[in-house]
C-alpha atoms as a PDB file:
ATOM      1  CA  UNK A   1    -127.081   3.824 -45.653  1.00  0.00           C
ATOM      2  CA  UNK A   2    -123.462   4.864 -46.221  1.00  0.00           C
ATOM      3  CA  UNK A   3    -122.539   7.532 -48.711  1.00  0.00           C
ATOM      4  CA  UNK A   4    -119.341   7.814 -50.668  1.00  0.00           C
ATOM      5  CA  UNK A   5    -118.177  11.193 -51.953  1.00  0.00           C
ATOM      6  CA  UNK A   6    -116.653  11.350 -55.413  1.00  0.00           C
ATOM      7  CA  UNK A   7    -114.852  14.261 -57.004  1.00  0.00           C
ATOM      8  CA  UNK A   8    -115.964  15.085 -60.527  1.00  0.00           C
ATOM      9  CA  UNK A   9    -112.452  14.226 -61.760  1.00  0.00           C
ATOM     10  CA  UNK A  10    -112.833  10.695 -60.397  1.00  0.00           C
ATOM     11  CA  UNK A  11    -116.298  10.362 -61.945  1.00  0.00           C
ATOM     12  CA  UNK A  12    -115.047  11.558 -65.324  1.00  0.00           C
ATOM     13  CA  UNK A  13    -112.030   9.251 -65.223  1.00  0.00           C
ATOM     14  CA  UNK A  14    -109.500  11.966 -64.411  1.00  0.00           C
ATOM     15  CA  UNK A  15    -105.767  11.479 -64.676  1.00  0.00           C
ATOM     16  CA  UNK A  16    -105.678   9.737 -61.298  1.00  0.00           C
ATOM     17  CA  UNK A  17    -108.127   7.028 -62.371  1.00  0.00           C
ATOM     18  CA  UNK A  18    -106.851   3.796 -63.918  1.00  0.00           C
ATOM     19  CA  UNK A  19    -109.450   2.748 -66.547  1.00  0.00           C
ATOM     20  CA  UNK A  20    -108.093  -0.809 -66.664  1.00  0.00           C
ATOM     21  CA  UNK A  21    -108.618  -1.246 -62.905  1.00  0.00           C
ATOM     22  CA  UNK A  22    -112.234  -0.074 -62.939  1.00  0.00           C
ATOM     23  CA  UNK A  23    -114.643  -2.817 -63.942  1.00  0.00           C
ATOM     24  CA  UNK A  24    -118.011  -1.561 -65.211  1.00  0.00           C
ATOM     25  CA  UNK A  25    -120.854  -2.258 -62.773  1.00  0.00           C
ATOM     26  CA  UNK A  26    -123.468  -2.410 -65.539  1.00  0.00           C
ATOM     27  CA  UNK A  27    -123.424  -2.811 -69.298  1.00  0.00           C
ATOM     28  CA  UNK A  28    -122.953   0.457 -71.219  1.00  0.00           C
ATOM     29  CA  UNK A  29    -126.182   2.307 -71.925  1.00  0.00           C
ATOM     30  CA  UNK A  30    -126.510   4.291 -75.119  1.00  0.00           C
ATOM     31  CA  UNK A  31    -128.562   7.467 -75.511  1.00  0.00           C
ATOM     32  CA  UNK A  32    -131.340   5.677 -77.405  1.00  0.00           C
ATOM     33  CA  UNK A  33    -131.958   3.322 -74.453  1.00  0.00           C
ATOM     34  CA  UNK A  34    -132.377   6.338 -72.155  1.00  0.00           C
ATOM     35  CA  UNK A  35    -134.924   8.177 -74.328  1.00  0.00           C
ATOM     36  CA  UNK A  36    -137.793   6.783 -72.245  1.00  0.00           C
ATOM     37  CA  UNK A  37    -136.669   8.751 -69.184  1.00  0.00           C
ATOM     38  CA  UNK A  38    -135.802  12.066 -70.854  1.00  0.00           C
ATOM     39  CA  UNK A  39    -139.286  13.565 -70.339  1.00  0.00           C
ATOM     40  CA  UNK A  40    -139.711  12.577 -66.683  1.00  0.00           C
ATOM     41  CA  UNK A  41    -139.845  15.755 -64.587  1.00  0.00           C
ATOM     42  CA  UNK A  42    -137.617  15.994 -61.517  1.00  0.00           C
ATOM     43  CA  UNK A  43    -137.393  18.632 -58.807  1.00  0.00           C
ATOM     44  CA  UNK A  44    -133.911  20.082 -58.297  1.00  0.00           C
ATOM     45  CA  UNK A  45    -133.163  22.061 -55.127  1.00  0.00           C
ATOM     46  CA  UNK A  46    -129.982  23.852 -54.103  1.00  0.00           C
ATOM     47  CA  UNK A  47    -129.925  24.349 -50.334  1.00  0.00           C
ATOM     48  CA  UNK A  48    -127.773  27.249 -49.153  1.00  0.00           C
ATOM     49  CA  UNK A  49    -128.337  26.394 -45.503  1.00  0.00           C
ATOM     50  CA  UNK A  50    -130.957  25.819 -42.836  1.00  0.00           C
ATOM     51  CA  UNK A  51    -132.270  27.642 -39.800  1.00  0.00           C
ATOM     52  CA  UNK A  52    -134.635  26.657 -36.988  1.00  0.00           C
ATOM     53  CA  UNK A  53    -136.891  29.107 -35.210  1.00  0.00           C
ATOM     54  CA  UNK A  54    -140.155  29.258 -33.373  1.00  0.00           C
ATOM     55  CA  UNK A  55    -143.292  30.394 -35.177  1.00  0.00           C
ATOM     56  CA  UNK A  56    -143.379  33.515 -32.992  1.00  0.00           C
ATOM     57  CA  UNK A  57    -139.868  34.442 -34.211  1.00  0.00           C
ATOM     58  CA  UNK A  58    -140.871  33.764 -37.816  1.00  0.00           C
ATOM     59  CA  UNK A  59    -143.895  36.043 -37.516  1.00  0.00           C
ATOM     60  CA  UNK A  60    -141.698  38.874 -36.200  1.00  0.00           C
ATOM     61  CA  UNK A  61    -139.527  38.855 -39.333  1.00  0.00           C
ATOM     62  CA  UNK A  62    -140.032  41.832 -41.580  1.00  0.00           C
ATOM     63  CA  UNK A  63    -138.615  43.280 -44.755  1.00  0.00           C
ATOM     64  CA  UNK A  64    -134.812  43.384 -44.514  1.00  0.00           C
ATOM     65  CA  UNK A  65    -134.636  40.837 -41.686  1.00  0.00           C
ATOM     66  CA  UNK A  66    -131.608  38.553 -41.762  1.00  0.00           C
ATOM     67  CA  UNK A  67    -131.959  34.852 -40.969  1.00  0.00           C
ATOM     68  CA  UNK A  68    -128.687  33.231 -39.956  1.00  0.00           C
ATOM     69  CA  UNK A  69    -128.095  29.910 -41.717  1.00  0.00           C
ATOM     70  CA  UNK A  70    -126.036  26.956 -40.513  1.00  0.00           C
ATOM     71  CA  UNK A  71    -123.425  27.357 -43.276  1.00  0.00           C
ATOM     72  CA  UNK A  72    -120.365  29.548 -43.596  1.00  0.00           C
ATOM     73  CA  UNK A  73    -119.524  31.747 -46.567  1.00  0.00           C
ATOM     74  CA  UNK A  74    -117.770  29.681 -49.220  1.00  0.00           C
ATOM     75  CA  UNK A  75    -118.959  26.347 -47.812  1.00  0.00           C
ATOM     76  CA  UNK A  76    -120.407  23.910 -50.358  1.00  0.00           C
ATOM     77  CA  UNK A  77    -124.169  23.871 -50.816  1.00  0.00           C
ATOM     78  CA  UNK A  78    -126.275  20.704 -51.039  1.00  0.00           C
ATOM     79  CA  UNK A  79    -127.982  19.794 -54.320  1.00  0.00           C
ATOM     80  CA  UNK A  80    -131.049  17.574 -54.102  1.00  0.00           C
ATOM     81  CA  UNK A  81    -132.970  15.821 -56.876  1.00  0.00           C
ATOM     82  CA  UNK A  82    -136.439  14.709 -55.778  1.00  0.00           C
ATOM     83  CA  UNK A  83    -135.446  15.280 -52.129  1.00  0.00           C
ATOM     84  CA  UNK A  84    -132.389  13.008 -52.425  1.00  0.00           C
ATOM     85  CA  UNK A  85    -128.921  14.477 -51.868  1.00  0.00           C
ATOM     86  CA  UNK A  86    -127.011  13.875 -55.105  1.00  0.00           C
ATOM     87  CA  UNK A  87    -124.251  16.480 -55.177  1.00  0.00           C
ATOM     88  CA  UNK A  88    -122.536  19.434 -53.543  1.00  0.00           C
ATOM     89  CA  UNK A  89    -121.613  22.599 -55.329  1.00  0.00           C
ATOM     90  CA  UNK A  90    -120.887  26.302 -55.356  1.00  0.00           C
ATOM     91  CA  UNK A  91    -123.092  29.291 -56.101  1.00  0.00           C
ATOM     92  CA  UNK A  92    -122.151  31.122 -59.304  1.00  0.00           C
ATOM     93  CA  UNK A  93    -123.534  34.159 -61.107  1.00  0.00           C
ATOM     94  CA  UNK A  94    -124.526  33.655 -64.732  1.00  0.00           C
ATOM     95  CA  UNK A  95    -125.314  37.012 -66.356  1.00  0.00           C
ATOM     96  CA  UNK A  96    -127.847  38.442 -63.866  1.00  0.00           C
ATOM     97  CA  UNK A  97    -129.005  35.135 -62.352  1.00  0.00           C
ATOM     98  CA  UNK A  98    -127.758  32.769 -59.669  1.00  0.00           C
ATOM     99  CA  UNK A  99    -126.655  29.297 -60.660  1.00  0.00           C
ATOM    100  CA  UNK A 100    -124.950  26.273 -59.148  1.00  0.00           C
ATOM    101  CA  UNK A 101    -121.785  24.496 -60.248  1.00  0.00           C
ATOM    102  CA  UNK A 102    -121.548  20.885 -59.095  1.00  0.00           C
ATOM    103  CA  UNK A 103    -118.164  20.171 -57.541  1.00  0.00           C
ATOM    104  CA  UNK A 104    -118.819  16.787 -55.938  1.00  0.00           C
ATOM    105  CA  UNK A 105    -121.179  13.906 -56.763  1.00  0.00           C
ATOM    106  CA  UNK A 106    -122.614  12.021 -53.777  1.00  0.00           C
ATOM    107  CA  UNK A 107    -122.813   8.288 -54.427  1.00  0.00           C
ATOM    108  CA  UNK A 108    -125.396   6.545 -52.256  1.00  0.00           C
ATOM    109  CA  UNK A 109    -124.997   2.852 -51.404  1.00  0.00           C
ATOM    110  CA  UNK A 110    -128.252   1.156 -52.435  1.00  0.00           C
ATOM    111  CA  UNK A 111    -128.046  -1.898 -50.155  1.00  0.00           C
END
């Protein structure tokens, strides 16, 4: 399965995109046709990074322990919907909570 990364500007038809050159893949869908899927729950996960360790190491962790992740500061995080990678983004602070801004949509080839 190959994946193709798209910038949000390309997805939104930014200045670089030529609307005449892009042929629609499917007929336009209006909001009324999508109402049937609005109430379907999905699980959204934002993965900051991953770490592997043995159970013995995990059990030794205590309050204040630091687990080193496989990502660097400032590197994009992965955004999953129902365990499928759909986007990459950045962590943001909204009032006193953490949030995620999507910076890149991941297009999966469904062959």
